[in-house]
PDB file of N, CA and C in Angstrom:
ATOM      1  N   MET A   1      90.048  85.739  87.818  1.00  0.00           N
ATOM      2  CA  MET A   1      91.321  84.998  88.044  1.00  0.00           C
ATOM      3  C   MET A   1      91.209  84.064  89.238  1.00  0.00           C
ATOM      4  N   HIS A   2      91.786  82.951  89.095  1.00  0.00           N
ATOM      5  CA  HIS A   2      91.824  81.972  90.163  1.00  0.00           C
ATOM      6  C   HIS A   2      92.674  82.491  91.390  1.00  0.00           C
ATOM      7  N   PHE A   3      92.308  82.188  92.574  1.00  0.00           N
ATOM      8  CA  PHE A   3      92.957  82.565  93.703  1.00  0.00           C
ATOM      9  C   PHE A   3      94.408  82.139  93.685  1.00  0.00           C
ATOM     10  N   ALA A   4      94.692  80.933  93.292  1.00  0.00           N
ATOM     11  CA  ALA A   4      96.122  80.496  93.281  1.00  0.00           C
ATOM     12  C   ALA A   4      96.940  81.316  92.372  1.00  0.00           C
ATOM     13  N   LYS A   5      96.434  81.782  91.220  1.00  0.00           N
ATOM     14  CA  LYS A   5      97.092  82.653  90.273  1.00  0.00           C
ATOM     15  C   LYS A   5      97.389  83.984  90.943  1.00  0.00           C
ATOM     16  N   PHE A   6      96.440  84.432  91.768  1.00  0.00           N
ATOM     17  CA  PHE A   6      96.582  85.796  92.432  1.00  0.00           C
ATOM     18  C   PHE A   6      97.795  85.580  93.404  1.00  0.00           C
ATOM     19  N   LEU A   7      97.909  84.583  94.122  1.00  0.00           N
ATOM     20  CA  LEU A   7      98.959  84.405  95.129  1.00  0.00           C
ATOM     21  C   LEU A   7     100.303  84.232  94.390  1.00  0.00           C
ATOM     22  N   ALA A   8     100.245  83.581  93.244  1.00  0.00           N
ATOM     23  CA  ALA A   8     101.508  83.400  92.437  1.00  0.00           C
ATOM     24  C   ALA A   8     101.978  84.729  91.969  1.00  0.00           C
ATOM     25  N   ALA A   9     101.108  85.559  91.537  1.00  0.00           N
ATOM     26  CA  ALA A   9     101.429  86.973  91.048  1.00  0.00           C
ATOM     27  C   ALA A   9     101.906  87.697  92.162  1.00  0.00           C
ATOM     28  N   VAL A  10     101.421  87.678  93.408  1.00  0.00           N
ATOM     29  CA  VAL A  10     101.900  88.390  94.478  1.00  0.00           C
ATOM     30  C   VAL A  10     103.315  87.993  94.787  1.00  0.00           C
ATOM     31  N   ALA A  11     103.604  86.716  94.751  1.00  0.00           N
ATOM     32  CA  ALA A  11     104.947  86.183  95.059  1.00  0.00           C
ATOM     33  C   ALA A  11     105.882  86.665  94.010  1.00  0.00           C
ATOM     34  N   SER A  12     105.485  86.628  92.701  1.00  0.00           N
ATOM     35  CA  SER A  12     106.272  87.239  91.726  1.00  0.00           C
ATOM     36  C   SER A  12     106.601  88.728  91.884  1.00  0.00           C
ATOM     37  N   LEU A  13     105.654  89.445  92.348  1.00  0.00           N
ATOM     38  CA  LEU A  13     105.897  90.861  92.575  1.00  0.00           C
ATOM     39  C   LEU A  13     106.941  91.025  93.647  1.00  0.00           C
ATOM     40  N   ALA A  14     106.921  90.264  94.677  1.00  0.00           N
ATOM     41  CA  ALA A  14     107.852  90.446  95.733  1.00  0.00           C
ATOM     42  C   ALA A  14     109.281  90.171  95.201  1.00  0.00           C
ATOM     43  N   MET A  15     109.431  89.065  94.458  1.00  0.00           N
ATOM     44  CA  MET A  15     110.784  88.707  93.970  1.00  0.00           C
ATOM     45  C   MET A  15     111.326  89.805  92.958  1.00  0.00           C
ATOM     46  N   ALA A  16     110.395  90.381  92.129  1.00  0.00           N
ATOM     47  CA  ALA A  16     110.821  91.250  91.059  1.00  0.00           C
ATOM     48  C   ALA A  16     111.261  92.573  91.628  1.00  0.00           C
ATOM     49  N   ASN A  17     110.774  92.962  92.830  1.00  0.00           N
ATOM     50  CA  ASN A  17     111.013  94.354  93.250  1.00  0.00           C
ATOM     51  C   ASN A  17     111.803  94.394  94.521  1.00  0.00           C
ATOM     52  N   ALA A  18     112.379  93.245  94.968  1.00  0.00           N
ATOM     53  CA  ALA A  18     113.194  93.137  96.220  1.00  0.00           C
ATOM     54  C   ALA A  18     112.504  93.678  97.491  1.00  0.00           C
ATOM     55  N   ILE A  19     111.219  93.459  97.568  1.00  0.00           N
ATOM     56  CA  ILE A  19     110.435  93.861  98.733  1.00  0.00           C
ATOM     57  C   ILE A  19     110.088  92.485  99.352  1.00  0.00           C
ATOM     58  N   ALA A  20     109.716  92.550 100.616  1.00  0.00           N
ATOM     59  CA  ALA A  20     109.387  91.358 101.336  1.00  0.00           C
ATOM     60  C   ALA A  20     108.010  91.514 101.859  1.00  0.00           C
ATOM     61  N   PHE A  21     107.131  90.657 101.473  1.00  0.00           N
ATOM     62  CA  PHE A  21     105.726  90.647 102.063  1.00  0.00           C
ATOM     63  C   PHE A  21     105.753  90.195 103.427  1.00  0.00           C
ATOM     64  N   THR A  22     105.085  90.949 104.304  1.00  0.00           N
ATOM     65  CA  THR A  22     105.077  90.575 105.740  1.00  0.00           C
ATOM     66  C   THR A  22     103.894  89.723 106.144  1.00  0.00           C
ATOM     67  N   ASN A  23     102.972  89.578 105.277  1.00  0.00           N
ATOM     68  CA  ASN A  23     101.853  88.668 105.551  1.00  0.00           C
ATOM     69  C   ASN A  23     102.501  87.260 105.625  1.00  0.00           C
ATOM     70  N   SER A  24     102.305  86.464 106.692  1.00  0.00           N
ATOM     71  CA  SER A  24     102.979  85.202 106.862  1.00  0.00           C
ATOM     72  C   SER A  24     102.091  84.050 106.449  1.00  0.00           C
ATOM     73  N   ASP A  25     100.774  84.229 106.429  1.00  0.00           N
ATOM     74  CA  ASP A  25      99.792  83.101 106.226  1.00  0.00           C
ATOM     75  C   ASP A  25      98.647  83.548 105.283  1.00  0.00           C
ATOM     76  N   TYR A  26      98.720  82.991 104.097  1.00  0.00           N
ATOM     77  CA  TYR A  26      97.713  83.369 103.037  1.00  0.00           C
ATOM     78  C   TYR A  26      96.563  82.313 103.029  1.00  0.00           C
ATOM     79  N   SER A  27      96.577  81.314 103.922  1.00  0.00           N
ATOM     80  CA  SER A  27      95.648  80.248 103.868  1.00  0.00           C
ATOM     81  C   SER A  27      94.165  80.737 104.295  1.00  0.00           C
ATOM     82  N   GLY A  28      94.045  81.683 105.034  1.00  0.00           N
ATOM     83  CA  GLY A  28      92.766  82.248 105.355  1.00  0.00           C
ATOM     84  C   GLY A  28      92.136  83.282 104.365  1.00  0.00           C
ATOM     85  N   ILE A  29      92.838  83.574 103.314  1.00  0.00           N
ATOM     86  CA  ILE A  29      92.364  84.571 102.368  1.00  0.00           C
ATOM     87  C   ILE A  29      91.291  83.876 101.498  1.00  0.00           C
ATOM     88  N   THR A  30      90.138  84.559 101.304  1.00  0.00           N
ATOM     89  CA  THR A  30      89.045  83.978 100.548  1.00  0.00           C
ATOM     90  C   THR A  30      88.610  85.003  99.417  1.00  0.00           C
ATOM     91  N   ALA A  31      88.337  84.406  98.330  1.00  0.00           N
ATOM     92  CA  ALA A  31      87.890  85.313  97.216  1.00  0.00           C
ATOM     93  C   ALA A  31      86.676  86.038  97.608  1.00  0.00           C
ATOM     94  N   GLY A  32      86.616  87.338  97.391  1.00  0.00           N
ATOM     95  CA  GLY A  32      85.561  88.204  97.689  1.00  0.00           C
ATOM     96  C   GLY A  32      85.607  88.784  99.045  1.00  0.00           C
ATOM     97  N   VAL A  33      86.494  88.366  99.857  1.00  0.00           N
ATOM     98  CA  VAL A  33      86.697  88.907 101.291  1.00  0.00           C
ATOM     99  C   VAL A  33      87.983  89.743 101.298  1.00  0.00           C
ATOM    100  N   PRO A  34      87.852  90.977 101.746  1.00  0.00           N
ATOM    101  CA  PRO A  34      88.972  91.887 101.890  1.00  0.00           C
ATOM    102  C   PRO A  34      90.090  91.441 102.846  1.00  0.00           C
ATOM    103  N   PHE A  35      91.297  91.637 102.460  1.00  0.00           N
ATOM    104  CA  PHE A  35      92.465  91.432 103.384  1.00  0.00           C
ATOM    105  C   PHE A  35      93.415  92.571 103.080  1.00  0.00           C
ATOM    106  N   THR A  36      94.440  92.720 104.006  1.00  0.00           N
ATOM    107  CA  THR A  36      95.435  93.777 103.806  1.00  0.00           C
ATOM    108  C   THR A  36      96.754  93.171 103.432  1.00  0.00           C
ATOM    109  N   LEU A  37      97.317  93.517 102.281  1.00  0.00           N
ATOM    110  CA  LEU A  37      98.580  93.016 101.823  1.00  0.00           C
ATOM    111  C   LEU A  37      99.620  94.007 102.422  1.00  0.00           C
ATOM    112  N   THR A  38     100.544  93.403 103.141  1.00  0.00           N
ATOM    113  CA  THR A  38     101.641  94.349 103.741  1.00  0.00           C
ATOM    114  C   THR A  38     102.991  93.829 103.330  1.00  0.00           C
ATOM    115  N   TRP A  39     104.004  94.821 103.301  1.00  0.00           N
ATOM    116  CA  TRP A  39     105.280  94.520 102.907  1.00  0.00           C
ATOM    117  C   TRP A  39     106.264  95.506 103.555  1.00  0.00           C
ATOM    118  N   SER A  40     107.529  95.179 103.366  1.00  0.00           N
ATOM    119  CA  SER A  40     108.657  96.030 103.933  1.00  0.00           C
ATOM    120  C   SER A  40     109.706  96.057 102.811  1.00  0.00           C
ATOM    121  N   GLY A  41     110.656  96.958 102.999  1.00  0.00           N
ATOM    122  CA  GLY A  41     111.759  97.036 102.060  1.00  0.00           C
ATOM    123  C   GLY A  41     111.522  98.024 100.934  1.00  0.00           C
ATOM    124  N   GLN A  42     110.412  98.723 100.988  1.00  0.00           N
ATOM    125  CA  GLN A  42     110.066  99.755  99.964  1.00  0.00           C
ATOM    126  C   GLN A  42     111.020 100.988 100.113  1.00  0.00           C
ATOM    127  N   VAL A  43     111.505 101.497  99.006  1.00  0.00           N
ATOM    128  CA  VAL A  43     112.345 102.646  98.975  1.00  0.00           C
ATOM    129  C   VAL A  43     111.568 103.654  97.987  1.00  0.00           C
ATOM    130  N   GLY A  44     111.134 104.800  98.487  1.00  0.00           N
ATOM    131  CA  GLY A  44     110.388 105.712  97.667  1.00  0.00           C
ATOM    132  C   GLY A  44     109.002 105.301  97.303  1.00  0.00           C
ATOM    133  N   LEU A  45     108.426 105.811  96.268  1.00  0.00           N
ATOM    134  CA  LEU A  45     107.056 105.480  95.880  1.00  0.00           C
ATOM    135  C   LEU A  45     107.031 104.162  95.142  1.00  0.00           C
ATOM    136  N   ALA A  46     105.886 103.423  95.343  1.00  0.00           N
ATOM    137  CA  ALA A  46     105.847 102.050  94.725  1.00  0.00           C
ATOM    138  C   ALA A  46     104.607 101.965  93.824  1.00  0.00           C
ATOM    139  N   ASN A  47     104.665 101.171  92.808  1.00  0.00           N
ATOM    140  CA  ASN A  47     103.664 100.786  91.993  1.00  0.00           C
ATOM    141  C   ASN A  47     103.443  99.224  92.262  1.00  0.00           C
ATOM    142  N   LEU A  48     102.261  98.879  92.671  1.00  0.00           N
ATOM    143  CA  LEU A  48     102.005  97.423  92.767  1.00  0.00           C
ATOM    144  C   LEU A  48     101.171  96.956  91.697  1.00  0.00           C
ATOM    145  N   LEU A  49     101.687  96.098  90.851  1.00  0.00           N
ATOM    146  CA  LEU A  49     101.002  95.647  89.675  1.00  0.00           C
ATOM    147  C   LEU A  49     100.691  94.062  89.758  1.00  0.00           C
ATOM    148  N   LEU A  50      99.562  93.682  89.530  1.00  0.00           N
ATOM    149  CA  LEU A  50      99.126  92.242  89.509  1.00  0.00           C
ATOM    150  C   LEU A  50      99.343  91.794  88.086  1.00  0.00           C
ATOM    151  N   LYS A  51     100.244  90.806  87.941  1.00  0.00           N
ATOM    152  CA  LYS A  51     100.431  90.274  86.582  1.00  0.00           C
ATOM    153  C   LYS A  51     100.235  88.867  86.557  1.00  0.00           C
ATOM    154  N   ASN A  52     100.100  88.261  85.314  1.00  0.00           N
ATOM    155  CA  ASN A  52      99.895  86.857  85.139  1.00  0.00           C
ATOM    156  C   ASN A  52     100.687  86.378  83.990  1.00  0.00           C
ATOM    157  N   GLY A  53     101.206  85.210  84.113  1.00  0.00           N
ATOM    158  CA  GLY A  53     101.943  84.575  82.996  1.00  0.00           C
ATOM    159  C   GLY A  53     103.372  84.270  83.302  1.00  0.00           C
ATOM    160  N   PRO A  54     104.111  83.625  82.445  1.00  0.00           N
ATOM    161  CA  PRO A  54     105.580  83.304  82.678  1.00  0.00           C
ATOM    162  C   PRO A  54     106.356  84.570  82.851  1.00  0.00           C
ATOM    163  N   ALA A  55     107.434  84.458  83.585  1.00  0.00           N
ATOM    164  CA  ALA A  55     108.337  85.654  83.827  1.00  0.00           C
ATOM    165  C   ALA A  55     108.725  86.365  82.575  1.00  0.00           C
ATOM    166  N   GLU A  56     108.931  85.696  81.553  1.00  0.00           N
ATOM    167  CA  GLU A  56     109.357  86.357  80.350  1.00  0.00           C
ATOM    168  C   GLU A  56     108.243  86.983  79.448  1.00  0.00           C
ATOM    169  N   ASN A  57     106.962  86.740  79.848  1.00  0.00           N
ATOM    170  CA  ASN A  57     105.870  87.262  79.082  1.00  0.00           C
ATOM    171  C   ASN A  57     104.678  87.540  80.006  1.00  0.00           C
ATOM    172  N   GLN A  58     104.856  88.371  81.021  1.00  0.00           N
ATOM    173  CA  GLN A  58     103.746  88.610  81.991  1.00  0.00           C
ATOM    174  C   GLN A  58     102.832  89.751  81.416  1.00  0.00           C
ATOM    175  N   LEU A  59     101.551  89.477  81.652  1.00  0.00           N
ATOM    176  CA  LEU A  59     100.506  90.430  81.208  1.00  0.00           C
ATOM    177  C   LEU A  59      99.928  91.108  82.375  1.00  0.00           C
ATOM    178  N   LEU A  60      99.700  92.453  82.336  1.00  0.00           N
ATOM    179  CA  LEU A  60      99.086  93.257  83.419  1.00  0.00           C
ATOM    180  C   LEU A  60      97.686  92.789  83.539  1.00  0.00           C
ATOM    181  N   VAL A  61      97.302  92.406  84.868  1.00  0.00           N
ATOM    182  CA  VAL A  61      95.867  92.100  85.143  1.00  0.00           C
ATOM    183  C   VAL A  61      95.225  93.310  85.816  1.00  0.00           C
ATOM    184  N   ALA A  62      96.000  93.939  86.735  1.00  0.00           N
ATOM    185  CA  ALA A  62      95.350  95.060  87.511  1.00  0.00           C
ATOM    186  C   ALA A  62      96.436  95.895  88.125  1.00  0.00           C
ATOM    187  N   THR A  63      96.234  97.201  88.379  1.00  0.00           N
ATOM    188  CA  THR A  63      97.110  97.986  89.149  1.00  0.00           C
ATOM    189  C   THR A  63      96.501  98.024  90.543  1.00  0.00           C
ATOM    190  N   ILE A  64      97.229  97.560  91.484  1.00  0.00           N
ATOM    191  CA  ILE A  64      96.770  97.506  92.837  1.00  0.00           C
ATOM    192  C   ILE A  64      96.984  98.930  93.520  1.00  0.00           C
ATOM    193  N   ALA A  65      98.085  99.461  93.260  1.00  0.00           N
ATOM    194  CA  ALA A  65      98.523 100.793  93.828  1.00  0.00           C
ATOM    195  C   ALA A  65      99.436 101.542  92.901  1.00  0.00           C
ATOM    196  N   SER A  66      99.274 102.796  92.769  1.00  0.00           N
ATOM    197  CA  SER A  66     100.159 103.619  91.856  1.00  0.00           C
ATOM    198  C   SER A  66     100.748 104.715  92.663  1.00  0.00           C
ATOM    199  N   LYS A  67     102.122 104.824  92.598  1.00  0.00           N
ATOM    200  CA  LYS A  67     102.853 105.846  93.332  1.00  0.00           C
ATOM    201  C   LYS A  67     102.471 105.908  94.789  1.00  0.00           C
ATOM    202  N   SER A  68     102.464 104.831  95.404  1.00  0.00           N
ATOM    203  CA  SER A  68     102.078 104.649  96.839  1.00  0.00           C
ATOM    204  C   SER A  68     103.286 104.852  97.787  1.00  0.00           C
ATOM    205  N   SER A  69     103.093 105.550  98.849  1.00  0.00           N
ATOM    206  CA  SER A  69     104.213 105.652  99.837  1.00  0.00           C
ATOM    207  C   SER A  69     103.875 104.792 101.055  1.00  0.00           C
ATOM    208  N   THR A  70     102.805 104.108 101.044  1.00  0.00           N
ATOM    209  CA  THR A  70     102.385 103.253 102.212  1.00  0.00           C
ATOM    210  C   THR A  70     103.020 101.794 101.992  1.00  0.00           C
ATOM    211  N   THR A  71     102.978 101.004 102.999  1.00  0.00           N
ATOM    212  CA  THR A  71     103.429  99.669 102.962  1.00  0.00           C
ATOM    213  C   THR A  71     102.283  98.669 103.347  1.00  0.00           C
ATOM    214  N   ALA A  72     101.010  99.104 103.102  1.00  0.00           N
ATOM    215  CA  ALA A  72      99.892  98.290 103.309  1.00  0.00           C
ATOM    216  C   ALA A  72      98.798  98.700 102.346  1.00  0.00           C
ATOM    217  N   ILE A  73      98.191  97.677 101.643  1.00  0.00           N
ATOM    218  CA  ILE A  73      97.128  97.929 100.742  1.00  0.00           C
ATOM    219  C   ILE A  73      96.053  97.007 101.067  1.00  0.00           C
ATOM    220  N   PRO A  74      94.799  97.534 101.270  1.00  0.00           N
ATOM    221  CA  PRO A  74      93.695  96.586 101.315  1.00  0.00           C
ATOM    222  C   PRO A  74      93.291  96.019  99.937  1.00  0.00           C
ATOM    223  N   ARG A  75      93.001  94.734  99.831  1.00  0.00           N
ATOM    224  CA  ARG A  75      92.789  94.099  98.613  1.00  0.00           C
ATOM    225  C   ARG A  75      91.706  93.026  98.743  1.00  0.00           C
ATOM    226  N   THR A  76      90.755  92.943  97.802  1.00  0.00           N
ATOM    227  CA  THR A  76      89.752  91.947  97.689  1.00  0.00           C
ATOM    228  C   THR A  76      90.028  91.005  96.576  1.00  0.00           C
ATOM    229  N   PRO A  77      90.431  89.752  96.817  1.00  0.00           N
ATOM    230  CA  PRO A  77      90.751  88.871  95.694  1.00  0.00           C
ATOM    231  C   PRO A  77      89.421  88.657  94.895  1.00  0.00           C
ATOM    232  N   PRO A  78      89.447  88.605  93.595  1.00  0.00           N
ATOM    233  CA  PRO A  78      88.305  88.396  92.794  1.00  0.00           C
ATOM    234  C   PRO A  78      87.817  86.992  92.864  1.00  0.00           C
ATOM    235  N   HIS A  79      86.583  86.726  92.527  1.00  0.00           N
ATOM    236  CA  HIS A  79      86.049  85.401  92.497  1.00  0.00           C
ATOM    237  C   HIS A  79      86.518  84.663  91.286  1.00  0.00           C
TER     238      HIS A  79
END
């Protein structure tokens, strides 16, 4: 998956679940290099799903976290 699509999917995730990502600058993120995705506004356990496609027809690309109680997940964008 291209890096731009990864960021678009992350932004989509934030809007769909009323959480706010607290990472303020994504410009230094590089494919293949780990970074930590952080957010606030989570209530209870969260599933973080990476999806791709238009809002009305999104396809699951990967599950980043399942039933997570944390607000930070290390992630390595694919090449």
